[in-house]
Amino acid sequence: MAFEKVCNLEDVSEGEALQIETFEEAIAVYNVGGQIFATQDRCTHGDWSLADGFLEDGVIECTLHWGKFCVRTGKVKAPPACDPLTIYPVEVRGGEIFVDYEAGKVGE
């Protein structure tokens, strides 16, 4: 696994998402009750940033067509989205967030 630093923990407030453009495709990093998760940033239904969406109880809602996804599993939680998100392994070390982009996998 090749974890790369993407940001500092303090950059992602609790209940918020942050777009990261370090990799081939942008990812979104989420802070859910102090736990950090990462998914692809683009909604699978439309070409729209999920980091700009509404995060509540571990579910991100896309502001384009209101599709919802679980940020833990990538699973679709509400239409019109049909395809799950790609999720990425995350590690938090010493106040820094690392993501393994190459180990990303399509969620449930």
C-alpha atoms as a PDB file:
ATOM      1  CA  MET A   1       0.000   0.000   0.000  1.00  0.00           C
ATOM      2  CA  ALA A   2       1.242   3.443  -0.922  1.00  0.00           C
ATOM      3  CA  PHE A   3      -0.322   5.950   1.419  1.00  0.00           C
ATOM      4  CA  GLU A   4       0.198   9.612   0.504  1.00  0.00           C
ATOM      5  CA  LYS A   5      -0.429  12.607   2.706  1.00  0.00           C
ATOM      6  CA  VAL A   6      -3.424  14.566   1.427  1.00  0.00           C
ATOM      7  CA  CYS A   7      -4.051  17.123   4.185  1.00  0.00           C
ATOM      8  CA  ASN A   8      -3.906  17.802   7.897  1.00  0.00           C
ATOM      9  CA  LEU A   9      -6.636  16.538  10.198  1.00  0.00           C
ATOM     10  CA  GLU A  10      -7.466  20.119  11.167  1.00  0.00           C
ATOM     11  CA  ASP A  11      -8.275  20.863   7.492  1.00  0.00           C
ATOM     12  CA  VAL A  12     -11.430  18.714   7.647  1.00  0.00           C
ATOM     13  CA  SER A  13     -13.847  19.932  10.295  1.00  0.00           C
ATOM     14  CA  GLU A  14     -16.241  17.467  11.888  1.00  0.00           C
ATOM     15  CA  GLY A  15     -19.312  16.994   9.706  1.00  0.00           C
ATOM     16  CA  GLU A  16     -17.537  18.447   6.661  1.00  0.00           C
ATOM     17  CA  ALA A  17     -15.923  17.241   3.443  1.00  0.00           C
ATOM     18  CA  LEU A  18     -12.826  18.460   1.626  1.00  0.00           C
ATOM     19  CA  GLN A  19     -11.971  18.030  -2.049  1.00  0.00           C
ATOM     20  CA  ILE A  20      -8.422  16.796  -2.702  1.00  0.00           C
ATOM     21  CA  GLU A  21      -6.943  17.088  -6.187  1.00  0.00           C
ATOM     22  CA  THR A  22      -3.629  15.329  -5.515  1.00  0.00           C
ATOM     23  CA  PHE A  23      -4.412  12.220  -7.562  1.00  0.00           C
ATOM     24  CA  GLU A  24      -5.442  11.367 -11.138  1.00  0.00           C
ATOM     25  CA  GLU A  25      -9.050  11.992 -10.140  1.00  0.00           C
ATOM     26  CA  ALA A  26     -10.208  14.173  -7.266  1.00  0.00           C
ATOM     27  CA  ILE A  27     -11.217  12.507  -4.017  1.00  0.00           C
ATOM     28  CA  ALA A  28     -13.347  13.744  -1.130  1.00  0.00           C
ATOM     29  CA  VAL A  29     -12.194  13.365   2.471  1.00  0.00           C
ATOM     30  CA  TYR A  30     -14.889  13.354   5.168  1.00  0.00           C
ATOM     31  CA  ASN A  31     -14.862  13.807   8.938  1.00  0.00           C
ATOM     32  CA  VAL A  32     -17.717  11.839  10.502  1.00  0.00           C
ATOM     33  CA  GLY A  33     -17.664  12.164  14.276  1.00  0.00           C
ATOM     34  CA  GLY A  34     -13.875  12.287  14.272  1.00  0.00           C
ATOM     35  CA  GLN A  35     -13.503   9.307  11.915  1.00  0.00           C
ATOM     36  CA  ILE A  36     -11.995  10.036   8.507  1.00  0.00           C
ATOM     37  CA  PHE A  37     -13.178   8.479   5.236  1.00  0.00           C
ATOM     38  CA  ALA A  38     -12.328   9.033   1.575  1.00  0.00           C
ATOM     39  CA  THR A  39     -14.277   8.421  -1.637  1.00  0.00           C
ATOM     40  CA  GLN A  40     -14.144   9.535  -5.219  1.00  0.00           C
ATOM     41  CA  ASP A  41     -15.222  13.164  -5.356  1.00  0.00           C
ATOM     42  CA  ARG A  42     -17.460  12.899  -8.420  1.00  0.00           C
ATOM     43  CA  CYS A  43     -21.041  11.731  -8.034  1.00  0.00           C
ATOM     44  CA  THR A  44     -21.675   8.545 -10.026  1.00  0.00           C
ATOM     45  CA  HIS A  45     -24.932   9.995 -11.347  1.00  0.00           C
ATOM     46  CA  GLY A  46     -23.678  13.367 -12.581  1.00  0.00           C
ATOM     47  CA  ASP A  47     -20.371  15.129 -12.980  1.00  0.00           C
ATOM     48  CA  TRP A  48     -20.564  17.018  -9.683  1.00  0.00           C
ATOM     49  CA  SER A  49     -18.325  17.376  -6.643  1.00  0.00           C
ATOM     50  CA  LEU A  50     -19.517  15.479  -3.588  1.00  0.00           C
ATOM     51  CA  ALA A  51     -17.246  17.573  -1.363  1.00  0.00           C
ATOM     52  CA  ASP A  52     -19.696  20.418  -2.042  1.00  0.00           C
ATOM     53  CA  GLY A  53     -22.578  18.280  -0.783  1.00  0.00           C
ATOM     54  CA  PHE A  54     -24.299  17.908   2.562  1.00  0.00           C
ATOM     55  CA  LEU A  55     -22.775  15.421   5.015  1.00  0.00           C
ATOM     56  CA  GLU A  56     -25.010  14.053   7.751  1.00  0.00           C
ATOM     57  CA  ASP A  57     -24.572  10.873   9.814  1.00  0.00           C
ATOM     58  CA  GLY A  58     -22.006   9.467   7.386  1.00  0.00           C
ATOM     59  CA  VAL A  59     -24.139  10.072   4.299  1.00  0.00           C
ATOM     60  CA  ILE A  60     -23.138  12.596   1.636  1.00  0.00           C
ATOM     61  CA  GLU A  61     -25.891  14.183  -0.435  1.00  0.00           C
ATOM     62  CA  CYS A  62     -24.971  15.463  -3.890  1.00  0.00           C
ATOM     63  CA  THR A  63     -26.294  18.968  -4.502  1.00  0.00           C
ATOM     64  CA  LEU A  64     -26.874  18.415  -8.230  1.00  0.00           C
ATOM     65  CA  HIS A  65     -29.673  15.805  -8.192  1.00  0.00           C
ATOM     66  CA  TRP A  66     -29.831  14.921  -4.456  1.00  0.00           C
ATOM     67  CA  GLY A  67     -28.469  11.387  -4.719  1.00  0.00           C
ATOM     68  CA  LYS A  68     -27.007  10.063  -1.457  1.00  0.00           C
ATOM     69  CA  PHE A  69     -24.078   7.763  -0.630  1.00  0.00           C
ATOM     70  CA  CYS A  70     -22.620   6.201   2.511  1.00  0.00           C
ATOM     71  CA  VAL A  71     -19.072   7.553   2.873  1.00  0.00           C
ATOM     72  CA  ARG A  72     -17.998   4.445   4.844  1.00  0.00           C
ATOM     73  CA  THR A  73     -19.029   1.871   2.227  1.00  0.00           C
ATOM     74  CA  GLY A  74     -19.700   3.825  -0.979  1.00  0.00           C
ATOM     75  CA  LYS A  75     -23.194   2.303  -1.076  1.00  0.00           C
ATOM     76  CA  VAL A  76     -25.996   4.258  -2.754  1.00  0.00           C
ATOM     77  CA  LYS A  77     -28.495   5.463  -0.143  1.00  0.00           C
ATOM     78  CA  ALA A  78     -30.919   7.427  -2.377  1.00  0.00           C
ATOM     79  CA  PRO A  79     -31.642   7.758  -6.096  1.00  0.00           C
ATOM     80  CA  PRO A  80     -31.190   8.962  -8.720  1.00  0.00           C
ATOM     81  CA  ALA A  81     -27.688   7.524  -8.183  1.00  0.00           C
ATOM     82  CA  CYS A  82     -27.460   3.799  -9.021  1.00  0.00           C
ATOM     83  CA  ASP A  83     -23.726   3.072  -8.915  1.00  0.00           C
ATOM     84  CA  PRO A  84     -21.686   3.013  -5.682  1.00  0.00           C
ATOM     85  CA  LEU A  85     -18.676   5.225  -5.031  1.00  0.00           C
ATOM     86  CA  THR A  86     -15.053   4.158  -5.053  1.00  0.00           C
ATOM     87  CA  ILE A  87     -13.745   4.200  -1.485  1.00  0.00           C
ATOM     88  CA  TYR A  88     -10.106   4.584  -0.430  1.00  0.00           C
ATOM     89  CA  PRO A  89      -8.143   3.326   2.585  1.00  0.00           C
ATOM     90  CA  VAL A  90      -7.314   6.127   5.031  1.00  0.00           C
ATOM     91  CA  GLU A  91      -4.803   6.435   7.847  1.00  0.00           C
ATOM     92  CA  VAL A  92      -4.459   9.275  10.332  1.00  0.00           C
ATOM     93  CA  ARG A  93      -0.960   9.701  11.724  1.00  0.00           C
ATOM     94  CA  GLY A  94       0.200  12.515  13.967  1.00  0.00           C
ATOM     95  CA  GLY A  95      -2.554  14.887  12.866  1.00  0.00           C
ATOM     96  CA  GLU A  96      -2.062  14.162   9.169  1.00  0.00           C
ATOM     97  CA  ILE A  97      -4.415  12.319   6.795  1.00  0.00           C
ATOM     98  CA  PHE A  98      -3.007   9.766   4.351  1.00  0.00           C
ATOM     99  CA  VAL A  99      -4.920   8.028   1.526  1.00  0.00           C
ATOM    100  CA  ASP A 100      -3.959   4.989  -0.551  1.00  0.00           C
ATOM    101  CA  TYR A 101      -5.382   6.032  -3.933  1.00  0.00           C
ATOM    102  CA  GLU A 102      -4.176   2.911  -5.752  1.00  0.00           C
ATOM    103  CA  ALA A 103      -5.984   0.616  -3.310  1.00  0.00           C
ATOM    104  CA  GLY A 104      -9.355   2.250  -4.012  1.00  0.00           C
ATOM    105  CA  LYS A 105     -12.235  -0.132  -4.637  1.00  0.00           C
ATOM    106  CA  VAL A 106     -15.827   0.239  -5.707  1.00  0.00           C
ATOM    107  CA  GLY A 107     -18.102   0.132  -2.688  1.00  0.00           C
ATOM    108  CA  GLU A 108     -20.980  -2.227  -2.020  1.00  0.00           C
END
